[in-house]
């Protein structure tokens, strides 16, 4: 109780215009904190949008996109049908700068037989291939290494193909 009385007394020392000014300063401070905390997210989202733009400018069509939250060592997957004779490019990355290595795997639908992979140490993984037969394949994205290993970072992959 003593603390709340002290706060009330301190609050009573300010006149009305000083209270308004203090509220404005707190508001500006909170806006700045929010802007700072989301700037990395915005920068990475911009990087993802840049990948999309580059892919489209190269004359590729966006076939599919997926988003999954992964901590270090974890994987996410999805299945897609790939058509014979079309050239595909799969791009995977994280929205979080602390992720230093993203790996990408392409398996047969059984999830065992490896078709292609990109396991180079990089925050960007790319697989290019042209299937000889139409078939359903499993795409696996992995957060291989991160500066913040326990934090679940947003990872994305884009499936594009030559039109």
Protein backbone atom coordinates (compact mmCIF):
# COMPACT_ATOMS: atom_id res chain seq x y z
CA UNK A 1 0.00 0.00 0.00
CA UNK A 2 2.83 2.39 0.83
CA UNK A 3 4.13 2.17 -2.72
CA UNK A 4 0.79 3.00 -4.30
CA UNK A 5 0.46 6.07 -2.06
CA UNK A 6 3.96 7.17 -3.09
CA UNK A 7 3.07 6.79 -6.77
CA UNK A 8 -0.12 8.80 -6.25
CA UNK A 9 1.82 11.55 -4.49
CA UNK A 10 4.43 11.70 -7.27
CA UNK A 11 1.61 11.71 -9.84
CA UNK A 12 0.00 14.61 -8.02
CA UNK A 13 3.20 16.65 -8.38
CA UNK A 14 2.60 16.94 -12.13
CA UNK A 15 0.14 19.45 -13.50
CA UNK A 16 -2.31 18.52 -16.25
CA UNK A 17 -0.12 19.64 -19.18
CA UNK A 18 2.91 17.79 -17.73
CA UNK A 19 0.83 14.60 -17.43
CA UNK A 20 -0.29 14.95 -21.06
CA UNK A 21 3.32 15.51 -22.13
CA UNK A 22 4.46 12.46 -20.13
CA UNK A 23 1.76 10.30 -21.74
CA UNK A 24 2.85 11.48 -25.18
CA UNK A 25 6.47 10.66 -24.38
CA UNK A 26 5.51 7.18 -23.18
CA UNK A 27 3.46 6.65 -26.34
CA UNK A 28 6.35 7.74 -28.59
CA UNK A 29 8.72 5.51 -26.62
CA UNK A 30 6.41 2.49 -27.06
CA UNK A 31 6.05 3.17 -30.79
CA UNK A 32 9.86 3.32 -31.08
CA UNK A 33 10.22 0.03 -29.19
CA UNK A 34 7.71 -1.66 -31.45
CA UNK A 35 9.44 -0.29 -34.57
CA UNK A 36 12.84 -1.49 -33.37
CA UNK A 37 11.58 -4.94 -32.40
CA UNK A 38 9.83 -5.48 -35.75
CA UNK A 39 12.54 -4.00 -37.97
CA UNK A 40 14.36 -7.36 -38.32
CA UNK A 41 11.11 -9.13 -39.10
CA UNK A 42 10.25 -6.48 -41.67
CA UNK A 43 13.73 -6.69 -43.21
CA UNK A 44 13.46 -10.46 -43.56
CA UNK A 45 9.91 -10.30 -44.90
CA UNK A 46 11.28 -7.84 -47.46
CA UNK A 47 13.99 -10.38 -48.34
CA UNK A 48 11.32 -13.03 -48.91
CA UNK A 49 9.37 -10.62 -51.11
CA UNK A 50 12.60 -9.91 -52.97
CA UNK A 51 13.05 -13.65 -53.66
CA UNK A 52 9.52 -13.74 -55.04
CA UNK A 53 10.20 -10.70 -57.23
CA UNK A 54 13.46 -12.17 -58.61
CA UNK A 55 11.78 -15.50 -59.36
CA UNK A 56 8.93 -13.80 -61.19
CA UNK A 57 11.32 -11.47 -63.09
CA UNK A 58 13.20 -14.56 -64.32
CA UNK A 59 9.99 -15.65 -66.03
CA UNK A 60 9.14 -18.34 -63.49
CA UNK A 61 5.63 -19.01 -62.21
CA UNK A 62 5.04 -19.37 -58.49
CA UNK A 63 3.50 -22.80 -58.02
CA UNK A 64 3.26 -22.93 -54.25
CA UNK A 65 4.48 -21.43 -51.00
CA UNK A 66 4.63 -22.75 -47.45
CA UNK A 67 5.43 -21.21 -44.07
CA UNK A 68 6.45 -23.13 -40.93
CA UNK A 69 7.94 -22.17 -37.54
CA UNK A 70 11.07 -24.17 -36.64
CA UNK A 71 13.67 -24.12 -33.87
CA UNK A 72 17.19 -25.37 -34.56
CA UNK A 73 17.32 -29.01 -35.67
CA UNK A 74 13.59 -29.19 -36.44
CA UNK A 75 11.99 -29.87 -39.82
CA UNK A 76 8.74 -29.08 -41.56
CA UNK A 77 7.38 -30.77 -44.64
CA UNK A 78 4.66 -30.73 -47.24
CA UNK A 79 3.74 -32.77 -50.31
CA UNK A 80 3.44 -31.40 -53.85
CA UNK A 81 2.78 -32.91 -57.25
CA UNK A 82 5.58 -32.28 -59.75
CA UNK A 83 4.82 -32.69 -63.46
CA UNK A 84 7.09 -34.45 -65.96
CA UNK A 85 9.18 -32.18 -68.16
CA UNK A 86 8.67 -28.96 -66.19
CA UNK A 87 11.79 -27.34 -64.71
CA UNK A 88 11.25 -26.59 -61.02
CA UNK A 89 13.15 -24.39 -58.59
CA UNK A 90 12.48 -24.65 -54.85
CA UNK A 91 13.83 -21.84 -52.67
CA UNK A 92 13.88 -22.04 -48.86
CA UNK A 93 14.90 -19.45 -46.27
CA UNK A 94 14.07 -18.09 -42.83
CA UNK A 95 12.50 -14.76 -41.91
CA UNK A 96 14.91 -14.58 -38.96
CA UNK A 97 18.48 -13.30 -39.38
CA UNK A 98 19.62 -15.51 -36.50
CA UNK A 99 19.08 -18.63 -38.64
CA UNK A 100 22.46 -19.23 -40.27
CA UNK A 101 21.81 -22.50 -42.10
CA UNK A 102 18.64 -23.70 -43.83
CA UNK A 103 18.63 -27.11 -45.50
CA UNK A 104 16.19 -28.33 -48.13
CA UNK A 105 15.38 -31.93 -49.09
CA UNK A 106 13.17 -33.44 -51.76
CA UNK A 107 12.01 -37.02 -51.15
CA UNK A 108 9.77 -39.48 -52.91
CA UNK A 109 6.31 -39.63 -51.34
CA UNK A 110 7.53 -42.45 -49.07
CA UNK A 111 9.66 -39.89 -47.19
CA UNK A 112 12.68 -42.19 -47.41
CA UNK A 113 14.07 -42.08 -50.94
CA UNK A 114 16.06 -38.87 -51.46
CA UNK A 115 15.59 -37.17 -54.85
CA UNK A 116 17.62 -33.97 -54.33
CA UNK A 117 19.01 -31.89 -51.48
CA UNK A 118 20.75 -28.63 -50.66
CA UNK A 119 22.71 -28.98 -47.43
CA UNK A 120 25.33 -26.32 -48.04
CA UNK A 121 25.98 -24.03 -45.09
CA UNK A 122 23.82 -21.09 -46.09
CA UNK A 123 20.73 -19.21 -44.93
CA UNK A 124 19.28 -19.81 -48.40
CA UNK A 125 18.71 -23.29 -49.90
CA UNK A 126 17.86 -23.93 -53.55
CA UNK A 127 16.98 -27.11 -55.42
CA UNK A 128 16.55 -27.19 -59.21
CA UNK A 129 15.27 -30.23 -61.05
CA UNK A 130 13.15 -31.49 -63.93
CA UNK A 131 11.21 -34.67 -63.11
CA UNK A 132 11.07 -37.34 -65.81
CA UNK A 133 7.67 -38.58 -64.55
CA UNK A 134 4.74 -36.85 -62.89
CA UNK A 135 4.74 -37.74 -59.22
CA UNK A 136 4.00 -36.54 -55.72
CA UNK A 137 7.10 -35.63 -53.70
CA UNK A 138 7.79 -34.53 -50.14
CA UNK A 139 9.54 -31.18 -49.59
CA UNK A 140 11.40 -30.94 -46.27
CA UNK A 141 12.83 -27.70 -44.87
CA UNK A 142 15.19 -27.80 -41.88
CA UNK A 143 16.50 -25.14 -39.51
CA UNK A 144 19.99 -26.65 -39.38
CA UNK A 145 21.72 -23.89 -37.39
CA UNK A 146 20.62 -20.79 -35.53
CA UNK A 147 22.18 -18.25 -33.17
CA UNK A 148 18.99 -18.59 -31.10
CA UNK A 149 18.52 -22.39 -31.22
CA UNK A 150 15.45 -22.62 -28.97
CA UNK A 151 13.51 -19.86 -30.72
CA UNK A 152 11.00 -20.96 -33.38
CA UNK A 153 11.79 -18.90 -36.45
CA UNK A 154 9.49 -18.58 -39.45
CA UNK A 155 10.81 -20.50 -42.46
CA UNK A 156 9.37 -20.43 -45.97
CA UNK A 157 9.75 -22.24 -49.21
CA UNK A 158 8.67 -21.27 -52.70
CA UNK A 159 8.07 -23.77 -55.49
CA UNK A 160 8.48 -22.12 -58.89
CA UNK A 161 8.56 -23.54 -62.39
CA UNK A 162 9.47 -22.44 -65.91
CA UNK A 163 6.34 -21.47 -67.85
